[in-house]
C-alpha cells in the first residue's frame, strides 16, 4: 500500500478559501476513487498544513485524479507566494 502526504504553507488571510479548495479536492477523490483524505495543521505553526491519503492501491490513478481535483479547486493560486504543494509517497 502507498500513503501520500502533501504539505504546504498557507497565507493566513487565505485559510478559509484554501479549506474550501481542500474540501473540493477531497470530495472529488472520495467520489472518483473512494479515498478519504484528512487535513492536519501543524501544532505551533498554524500556517503549515498537511493532507494525508492512505492505502492507495493505484498510484497512477490517484495522482491523475489528484491533479485534476487540484486544478478544478484552484488551490495553487491560494497558497503563500512562492509556495507549492509538496507531495511525498511512502510504502508499507
N, C-alpha and C. Protein backbone atom coordinates (compact mmCIF):
# COMPACT_ATOMS: atom_id res chain seq x y z
N UNK A 1 0.83 -1.18 0.00
CA UNK A 1 0.00 0.00 0.00
C UNK A 1 0.87 1.25 0.00
N UNK A 2 0.35 2.28 -0.59
CA UNK A 2 1.04 3.56 -0.63
C UNK A 2 0.25 4.60 0.15
N UNK A 3 0.98 5.55 0.71
CA UNK A 3 0.38 6.60 1.52
C UNK A 3 0.98 7.93 1.06
N UNK A 4 0.12 8.89 0.80
CA UNK A 4 0.54 10.19 0.30
C UNK A 4 0.40 11.25 1.38
N UNK A 5 1.43 12.08 1.48
CA UNK A 5 1.47 13.18 2.42
C UNK A 5 1.77 14.44 1.61
N UNK A 6 0.88 15.41 1.67
CA UNK A 6 1.02 16.62 0.88
C UNK A 6 1.05 17.79 1.86
N UNK A 7 2.15 18.53 1.85
CA UNK A 7 2.27 19.63 2.81
C UNK A 7 2.61 20.93 2.10
N UNK A 8 2.24 22.04 2.74
CA UNK A 8 2.42 23.36 2.15
C UNK A 8 2.12 24.42 3.20
N UNK A 9 2.58 25.62 2.94
CA UNK A 9 2.29 26.75 3.81
C UNK A 9 1.20 27.60 3.17
N UNK A 10 0.33 28.11 4.01
CA UNK A 10 -0.75 28.93 3.51
C UNK A 10 -0.54 30.39 3.94
N UNK A 11 -1.16 31.28 3.23
CA UNK A 11 -1.24 32.68 3.66
C UNK A 11 -2.43 32.74 4.62
N UNK A 12 -2.23 33.23 5.83
CA UNK A 12 -3.31 33.23 6.82
C UNK A 12 -4.61 33.85 6.32
N UNK A 13 -4.53 34.88 5.51
CA UNK A 13 -5.74 35.53 5.02
C UNK A 13 -6.47 34.69 3.97
N UNK A 14 -5.87 33.60 3.53
CA UNK A 14 -6.48 32.70 2.55
C UNK A 14 -6.99 31.40 3.18
N UNK A 15 -6.91 31.26 4.50
CA UNK A 15 -7.23 29.99 5.16
C UNK A 15 -8.63 29.48 4.81
N UNK A 16 -9.62 30.32 4.84
CA UNK A 16 -10.99 29.87 4.55
C UNK A 16 -11.12 29.40 3.10
N UNK A 17 -10.51 30.13 2.17
CA UNK A 17 -10.58 29.75 0.76
C UNK A 17 -9.81 28.45 0.50
N UNK A 18 -8.66 28.30 1.17
CA UNK A 18 -7.88 27.07 1.00
C UNK A 18 -8.63 25.88 1.60
N UNK A 19 -9.24 26.06 2.75
CA UNK A 19 -10.03 24.98 3.35
C UNK A 19 -11.16 24.56 2.41
N UNK A 20 -11.80 25.53 1.76
CA UNK A 20 -12.87 25.21 0.80
C UNK A 20 -12.31 24.45 -0.40
N UNK A 21 -11.12 24.85 -0.88
CA UNK A 21 -10.49 24.16 -2.01
C UNK A 21 -10.14 22.72 -1.63
N UNK A 22 -9.66 22.52 -0.42
CA UNK A 22 -9.31 21.17 0.02
C UNK A 22 -10.57 20.31 0.13
N UNK A 23 -11.66 20.90 0.55
CA UNK A 23 -12.92 20.14 0.60
C UNK A 23 -13.31 19.67 -0.80
N UNK A 24 -13.11 20.53 -1.80
CA UNK A 24 -13.40 20.15 -3.18
C UNK A 24 -12.51 18.99 -3.60
N UNK A 25 -11.21 19.11 -3.33
CA UNK A 25 -10.26 18.06 -3.69
C UNK A 25 -10.65 16.74 -3.04
N UNK A 26 -10.89 16.77 -1.75
CA UNK A 26 -11.18 15.54 -1.03
C UNK A 26 -12.52 14.94 -1.43
N UNK A 27 -13.50 15.78 -1.74
CA UNK A 27 -14.79 15.28 -2.20
C UNK A 27 -14.63 14.58 -3.54
N UNK A 28 -13.86 15.17 -4.44
CA UNK A 28 -13.65 14.55 -5.75
C UNK A 28 -12.92 13.21 -5.63
N UNK A 29 -11.91 13.15 -4.78
CA UNK A 29 -11.18 11.89 -4.59
C UNK A 29 -12.09 10.83 -3.98
N UNK A 30 -12.94 11.24 -3.07
CA UNK A 30 -13.88 10.31 -2.44
C UNK A 30 -14.88 9.79 -3.48
N UNK A 31 -15.42 10.70 -4.30
CA UNK A 31 -16.41 10.31 -5.31
C UNK A 31 -15.79 9.48 -6.43
N UNK A 32 -14.60 9.84 -6.89
CA UNK A 32 -13.98 9.14 -8.02
C UNK A 32 -13.31 7.84 -7.63
N UNK A 33 -12.66 7.83 -6.45
CA UNK A 33 -11.83 6.67 -6.10
C UNK A 33 -12.20 6.03 -4.76
N UNK A 34 -13.12 6.62 -4.02
CA UNK A 34 -13.47 6.08 -2.71
C UNK A 34 -12.38 6.30 -1.67
N UNK A 35 -11.53 7.31 -1.88
CA UNK A 35 -10.41 7.61 -0.98
C UNK A 35 -10.80 8.76 -0.06
N UNK A 36 -10.67 8.55 1.22
CA UNK A 36 -10.95 9.59 2.21
C UNK A 36 -9.65 10.21 2.67
N UNK A 37 -9.53 11.50 2.47
CA UNK A 37 -8.34 12.21 2.91
C UNK A 37 -8.57 12.89 4.25
N UNK A 38 -7.46 13.27 4.87
CA UNK A 38 -7.51 14.02 6.13
C UNK A 38 -6.69 15.29 5.98
N UNK A 39 -7.07 16.31 6.72
CA UNK A 39 -6.33 17.57 6.74
C UNK A 39 -5.83 17.81 8.15
N UNK A 40 -4.54 18.08 8.26
CA UNK A 40 -3.93 18.40 9.56
C UNK A 40 -3.25 19.76 9.47
N UNK A 41 -3.17 20.42 10.62
CA UNK A 41 -2.45 21.69 10.72
C UNK A 41 -1.39 21.52 11.80
N UNK A 42 -0.18 21.95 11.51
CA UNK A 42 0.93 21.71 12.43
C UNK A 42 0.74 22.48 13.75
N UNK A 43 0.94 21.77 14.83
CA UNK A 43 0.89 22.39 16.14
C UNK A 43 1.99 23.44 16.22
N UNK A 44 1.69 24.57 16.74
CA UNK A 44 2.62 25.68 16.92
C UNK A 44 3.10 26.31 15.61
N UNK A 45 2.51 25.94 14.50
CA UNK A 45 2.80 26.56 13.21
C UNK A 45 1.55 26.42 12.33
N UNK A 46 0.54 27.19 12.67
CA UNK A 46 -0.80 27.04 12.07
C UNK A 46 -0.84 27.25 10.56
N UNK A 47 0.20 27.83 9.99
CA UNK A 47 0.21 28.06 8.54
C UNK A 47 0.78 26.88 7.76
N UNK A 48 1.23 25.83 8.44
CA UNK A 48 1.73 24.63 7.76
C UNK A 48 0.65 23.56 7.82
N UNK A 49 0.13 23.22 6.66
CA UNK A 49 -0.97 22.25 6.56
C UNK A 49 -0.48 20.99 5.86
N UNK A 50 -1.15 19.88 6.15
CA UNK A 50 -0.82 18.61 5.52
C UNK A 50 -2.10 17.82 5.24
N UNK A 51 -2.17 17.30 4.03
CA UNK A 51 -3.23 16.37 3.66
C UNK A 51 -2.64 14.97 3.66
N UNK A 52 -3.42 14.01 4.10
CA UNK A 52 -2.97 12.62 4.15
C UNK A 52 -3.99 11.75 3.40
N UNK A 53 -3.47 10.93 2.51
CA UNK A 53 -4.29 9.97 1.76
C UNK A 53 -3.62 8.62 1.91
N UNK A 54 -4.33 7.67 2.52
CA UNK A 54 -3.71 6.39 2.85
C UNK A 54 -4.33 5.24 2.07
N UNK A 55 -3.56 4.15 2.03
CA UNK A 55 -4.00 2.89 1.43
C UNK A 55 -4.35 3.03 -0.05
N UNK A 56 -3.47 3.67 -0.79
CA UNK A 56 -3.66 3.88 -2.22
C UNK A 56 -3.14 2.66 -2.96
N UNK A 57 -3.98 2.05 -3.75
CA UNK A 57 -3.59 0.85 -4.50
C UNK A 57 -2.96 1.20 -5.84
N UNK A 58 -3.51 2.18 -6.54
CA UNK A 58 -3.06 2.53 -7.88
C UNK A 58 -2.55 3.98 -7.86
N UNK A 59 -1.23 4.13 -7.80
CA UNK A 59 -0.64 5.47 -7.72
C UNK A 59 -0.94 6.31 -8.94
N UNK A 60 -0.88 5.73 -10.10
CA UNK A 60 -1.14 6.48 -11.33
C UNK A 60 -2.55 7.05 -11.35
N UNK A 61 -3.51 6.23 -11.01
CA UNK A 61 -4.91 6.67 -10.98
C UNK A 61 -5.11 7.75 -9.92
N UNK A 62 -4.51 7.55 -8.74
CA UNK A 62 -4.64 8.53 -7.67
C UNK A 62 -4.02 9.86 -8.08
N UNK A 63 -2.80 9.83 -8.59
CA UNK A 63 -2.10 11.06 -8.94
C UNK A 63 -2.82 11.82 -10.05
N UNK A 64 -3.39 11.10 -11.01
CA UNK A 64 -4.16 11.77 -12.07
C UNK A 64 -5.41 12.43 -11.50
N UNK A 65 -6.12 11.71 -10.63
CA UNK A 65 -7.33 12.27 -10.02
C UNK A 65 -6.99 13.44 -9.11
N UNK A 66 -5.89 13.34 -8.38
CA UNK A 66 -5.46 14.43 -7.51
C UNK A 66 -5.13 15.67 -8.33
N UNK A 67 -4.39 15.51 -9.40
CA UNK A 67 -4.02 16.63 -10.25
C UNK A 67 -5.26 17.32 -10.82
N UNK A 68 -6.21 16.54 -11.30
CA UNK A 68 -7.44 17.11 -11.85
C UNK A 68 -8.22 17.86 -10.77
N UNK A 69 -8.28 17.30 -9.58
CA UNK A 69 -9.01 17.94 -8.47
C UNK A 69 -8.31 19.22 -8.04
N UNK A 70 -6.98 19.21 -8.01
CA UNK A 70 -6.23 20.42 -7.65
C UNK A 70 -6.50 21.54 -8.64
N UNK A 71 -6.49 21.20 -9.92
CA UNK A 71 -6.75 22.19 -10.96
C UNK A 71 -8.15 22.77 -10.81
N UNK A 72 -9.12 21.91 -10.63
CA UNK A 72 -10.50 22.37 -10.51
C UNK A 72 -10.71 23.24 -9.27
N UNK A 73 -10.02 22.91 -8.19
CA UNK A 73 -10.21 23.65 -6.94
C UNK A 73 -9.53 25.02 -6.95
N UNK A 74 -8.51 25.19 -7.80
CA UNK A 74 -7.77 26.44 -7.85
C UNK A 74 -6.83 26.66 -6.67
N UNK A 75 -6.47 25.59 -5.99
CA UNK A 75 -5.68 25.72 -4.76
C UNK A 75 -4.30 26.34 -5.00
N UNK A 76 -3.70 26.10 -6.13
CA UNK A 76 -2.34 26.61 -6.38
C UNK A 76 -2.27 28.12 -6.26
N UNK A 77 -3.32 28.82 -6.67
CA UNK A 77 -3.33 30.27 -6.61
C UNK A 77 -3.63 30.83 -5.23
N UNK A 78 -3.92 29.96 -4.27
CA UNK A 78 -4.29 30.41 -2.93
C UNK A 78 -3.16 30.28 -1.91
N UNK A 79 -2.11 29.57 -2.26
CA UNK A 79 -1.01 29.33 -1.31
C UNK A 79 -0.18 30.59 -1.11
N UNK A 80 0.65 30.56 -0.10
CA UNK A 80 1.55 31.69 0.15
C UNK A 80 2.40 31.93 -1.10
N UNK A 81 2.79 33.18 -1.36
CA UNK A 81 3.62 33.48 -2.53
C UNK A 81 4.87 32.60 -2.57
N UNK A 82 5.12 31.99 -3.72
CA UNK A 82 6.28 31.14 -3.90
C UNK A 82 6.13 29.74 -3.35
N UNK A 83 5.03 29.46 -2.69
CA UNK A 83 4.82 28.14 -2.07
C UNK A 83 4.17 27.18 -3.06
N UNK A 84 4.54 25.91 -2.96
CA UNK A 84 3.91 24.85 -3.75
C UNK A 84 3.50 23.72 -2.83
N UNK A 85 2.68 22.85 -3.34
CA UNK A 85 2.28 21.65 -2.59
C UNK A 85 3.38 20.61 -2.78
N UNK A 86 3.92 20.12 -1.68
CA UNK A 86 4.98 19.12 -1.70
C UNK A 86 4.34 17.76 -1.48
N UNK A 87 4.54 16.85 -2.41
CA UNK A 87 3.91 15.53 -2.33
C UNK A 87 4.97 14.49 -2.05
N UNK A 88 4.74 13.72 -1.00
CA UNK A 88 5.62 12.60 -0.62
C UNK A 88 4.78 11.34 -0.59
N UNK A 89 5.36 10.25 -1.08
CA UNK A 89 4.66 8.96 -1.09
C UNK A 89 5.52 7.94 -0.34
N UNK A 90 4.89 7.25 0.60
CA UNK A 90 5.56 6.21 1.39
C UNK A 90 4.86 4.89 1.16
N UNK A 91 5.60 3.80 1.29
CA UNK A 91 5.05 2.45 1.09
C UNK A 91 5.19 1.62 2.36
N UNK A 92 4.27 0.68 2.51
CA UNK A 92 4.37 -0.31 3.60
C UNK A 92 5.43 -1.32 3.23
